[in-house]
Amino acid sequence: MNDIGTLLSLAGTHWMMTHLELMETIGLVRALGNSYRLAASEPGSSAIYGRFTLDFFRTIVACLVR
């Protein structure tokens, strides 16, 4: 394979990874928006949803640190 073919295949891989990361970020923002919407809909449930969101992010950070 020539140099241009190699560069194009690497660029395609880079764009694919960027797209996947962007879609995962959008999914995370949607999940947070739904959690906030549910917490705001009922006065008593805000503590439950807030606690769930905090535990979720604590788990994510713990997995990333390892």
N, C-alpha and C. Protein backbone atom coordinates (compact mmCIF):
# COMPACT_ATOMS: atom_id res chain seq x y z
N MET A 1 0.86 -1.18 0.00
CA MET A 1 0.00 0.00 0.00
C MET A 1 0.90 1.23 0.00
N ASN A 2 0.52 2.22 -0.76
CA ASN A 2 1.34 3.43 -0.84
C ASN A 2 1.05 4.34 0.36
N ASP A 3 1.81 5.42 0.44
CA ASP A 3 1.70 6.32 1.59
C ASP A 3 0.33 6.98 1.68
N ILE A 4 -0.25 7.36 0.56
CA ILE A 4 -1.56 8.02 0.58
C ILE A 4 -2.63 7.05 1.06
N GLY A 5 -2.56 5.81 0.62
CA GLY A 5 -3.52 4.80 1.07
C GLY A 5 -3.43 4.56 2.57
N THR A 6 -2.21 4.54 3.08
CA THR A 6 -2.01 4.36 4.52
C THR A 6 -2.57 5.54 5.29
N LEU A 7 -2.30 6.75 4.82
CA LEU A 7 -2.81 7.94 5.50
C LEU A 7 -4.33 8.00 5.48
N LEU A 8 -4.94 7.61 4.36
CA LEU A 8 -6.40 7.63 4.28
C LEU A 8 -7.02 6.61 5.23
N SER A 9 -6.41 5.45 5.35
CA SER A 9 -6.97 4.45 6.27
C SER A 9 -6.81 4.91 7.71
N LEU A 10 -5.71 5.56 8.04
CA LEU A 10 -5.53 6.08 9.40
C LEU A 10 -6.49 7.23 9.67
N ALA A 11 -6.72 8.07 8.69
CA ALA A 11 -7.66 9.18 8.86
C ALA A 11 -9.07 8.65 9.06
N GLY A 12 -9.44 7.60 8.34
CA GLY A 12 -10.76 6.99 8.51
C GLY A 12 -10.94 6.42 9.90
N THR A 13 -9.90 5.78 10.42
CA THR A 13 -9.95 5.25 11.78
C THR A 13 -10.08 6.37 12.79
N HIS A 14 -9.36 7.46 12.58
CA HIS A 14 -9.43 8.60 13.50
C HIS A 14 -10.82 9.20 13.51
N TRP A 15 -11.41 9.38 12.33
CA TRP A 15 -12.75 9.97 12.26
C TRP A 15 -13.79 9.05 12.88
N MET A 16 -13.62 7.74 12.72
CA MET A 16 -14.55 6.79 13.31
C MET A 16 -14.51 6.89 14.84
N MET A 17 -13.30 6.95 15.40
CA MET A 17 -13.17 7.06 16.86
C MET A 17 -13.73 8.38 17.36
N THR A 18 -13.50 9.46 16.62
CA THR A 18 -14.05 10.76 17.01
C THR A 18 -15.57 10.72 16.99
N HIS A 19 -16.15 10.09 15.99
CA HIS A 19 -17.60 9.98 15.88
C HIS A 19 -18.16 9.17 17.06
N LEU A 20 -17.51 8.06 17.39
CA LEU A 20 -17.98 7.24 18.50
C LEU A 20 -17.92 8.00 19.82
N GLU A 21 -16.83 8.73 20.04
CA GLU A 21 -16.70 9.51 21.27
C GLU A 21 -17.76 10.60 21.34
N LEU A 22 -18.04 11.23 20.21
CA LEU A 22 -19.07 12.27 20.17
C LEU A 22 -20.44 11.68 20.47
N MET A 23 -20.76 10.54 19.89
CA MET A 23 -22.06 9.90 20.12
C MET A 23 -22.20 9.45 21.57
N GLU A 24 -21.11 8.96 22.19
CA GLU A 24 -21.16 8.57 23.60
C GLU A 24 -21.39 9.79 24.48
N THR A 25 -20.77 10.91 24.14
CA THR A 25 -20.97 12.14 24.90
C THR A 25 -22.41 12.62 24.79
N ILE A 26 -22.96 12.56 23.59
CA ILE A 26 -24.36 12.96 23.41
C ILE A 26 -25.29 12.05 24.20
N GLY A 27 -25.02 10.76 24.22
CA GLY A 27 -25.82 9.83 25.01
C GLY A 27 -25.75 10.12 26.49
N LEU A 28 -24.57 10.48 26.97
CA LEU A 28 -24.41 10.82 28.38
C LEU A 28 -25.17 12.09 28.73
N VAL A 29 -25.12 13.08 27.85
CA VAL A 29 -25.85 14.33 28.08
C VAL A 29 -27.35 14.06 28.09
N ARG A 30 -27.82 13.21 27.21
CA ARG A 30 -29.25 12.85 27.20
C ARG A 30 -29.65 12.16 28.49
N ALA A 31 -28.82 11.25 28.97
CA ALA A 31 -29.13 10.56 30.22
C ALA A 31 -29.19 11.54 31.38
N LEU A 32 -28.26 12.48 31.41
CA LEU A 32 -28.29 13.48 32.48
C LEU A 32 -29.51 14.37 32.36
N GLY A 33 -29.89 14.74 31.14
CA GLY A 33 -31.08 15.55 30.94
C GLY A 33 -32.33 14.84 31.40
N ASN A 34 -32.43 13.55 31.11
CA ASN A 34 -33.58 12.77 31.56
C ASN A 34 -33.60 12.67 33.08
N SER A 35 -32.44 12.48 33.67
CA SER A 35 -32.37 12.40 35.13
C SER A 35 -32.79 13.71 35.76
N TYR A 36 -32.33 14.81 35.20
CA TYR A 36 -32.71 16.13 35.72
C TYR A 36 -34.21 16.37 35.55
N ARG A 37 -34.74 15.98 34.40
CA ARG A 37 -36.17 16.17 34.14
C ARG A 37 -37.01 15.35 35.13
N LEU A 38 -36.61 14.12 35.38
CA LEU A 38 -37.33 13.30 36.34
C LEU A 38 -37.22 13.85 37.76
N ALA A 39 -36.05 14.36 38.10
CA ALA A 39 -35.86 14.92 39.43
C ALA A 39 -36.68 16.19 39.62
N ALA A 40 -36.85 16.95 38.56
CA ALA A 40 -37.60 18.20 38.67
C ALA A 40 -39.11 17.97 38.62
N SER A 41 -39.54 16.81 38.15
CA SER A 41 -40.97 16.57 38.00
C SER A 41 -41.67 16.32 39.33
N GLU A 42 -40.98 15.69 40.27
CA GLU A 42 -41.58 15.40 41.57
C GLU A 42 -40.68 15.96 42.66
N PRO A 43 -41.24 16.69 43.60
CA PRO A 43 -40.41 17.31 44.64
C PRO A 43 -39.67 16.30 45.52
N GLY A 44 -40.29 15.19 45.86
CA GLY A 44 -39.66 14.23 46.76
C GLY A 44 -38.63 13.34 46.10
N SER A 45 -38.70 13.19 44.80
CA SER A 45 -37.81 12.26 44.12
C SER A 45 -36.47 12.87 43.72
N SER A 46 -36.30 14.16 43.93
CA SER A 46 -35.05 14.79 43.49
C SER A 46 -33.85 14.23 44.23
N ALA A 47 -34.00 13.89 45.51
CA ALA A 47 -32.89 13.32 46.27
C ALA A 47 -32.52 11.94 45.74
N ILE A 48 -33.52 11.15 45.36
CA ILE A 48 -33.25 9.80 44.85
C ILE A 48 -32.51 9.87 43.51
N TYR A 49 -33.00 10.68 42.60
CA TYR A 49 -32.35 10.78 41.29
C TYR A 49 -30.99 11.46 41.39
N GLY A 50 -30.86 12.43 42.26
CA GLY A 50 -29.55 13.07 42.47
C GLY A 50 -28.54 12.09 43.03
N ARG A 51 -28.99 11.25 43.95
CA ARG A 51 -28.11 10.24 44.54
C ARG A 51 -27.70 9.21 43.49
N PHE A 52 -28.66 8.80 42.64
CA PHE A 52 -28.35 7.86 41.57
C PHE A 52 -27.32 8.44 40.61
N THR A 53 -27.50 9.69 40.24
CA THR A 53 -26.56 10.35 39.32
C THR A 53 -25.18 10.45 39.94
N LEU A 54 -25.12 10.80 41.22
CA LEU A 54 -23.83 10.90 41.91
C LEU A 54 -23.14 9.54 41.95
N ASP A 55 -23.87 8.49 42.29
CA ASP A 55 -23.28 7.15 42.32
C ASP A 55 -22.83 6.70 40.94
N PHE A 56 -23.59 7.06 39.92
CA PHE A 56 -23.23 6.70 38.56
C PHE A 56 -21.89 7.32 38.17
N PHE A 57 -21.75 8.62 38.42
CA PHE A 57 -20.50 9.29 38.06
C PHE A 57 -19.34 8.83 38.93
N ARG A 58 -19.61 8.50 40.17
CA ARG A 58 -18.55 7.98 41.04
C ARG A 58 -18.04 6.66 40.48
N THR A 59 -18.93 5.81 40.00
CA THR A 59 -18.53 4.54 39.40
C THR A 59 -17.73 4.76 38.12
N ILE A 60 -18.16 5.69 37.30
CA ILE A 60 -17.45 5.98 36.05
C ILE A 60 -16.04 6.47 36.33
N VAL A 61 -15.90 7.39 37.27
CA VAL A 61 -14.58 7.93 37.61
C VAL A 61 -13.69 6.84 38.19
N ALA A 62 -14.25 5.98 39.03
CA ALA A 62 -13.47 4.89 39.61
C ALA A 62 -12.97 3.94 38.53
N CYS A 63 -13.79 3.67 37.52
CA CYS A 63 -13.36 2.80 36.42
C CYS A 63 -12.28 3.46 35.57
N LEU A 64 -12.38 4.76 35.37
CA LEU A 64 -11.39 5.47 34.56
C LEU A 64 -10.05 5.58 35.27
N VAL A 65 -10.07 5.68 36.59
CA VAL A 65 -8.83 5.84 37.35
C VAL A 65 -8.03 4.55 37.36
N ARG A 66 -8.71 3.41 37.37
CA ARG A 66 -8.01 2.12 37.41
C ARG A 66 -7.23 1.92 36.20
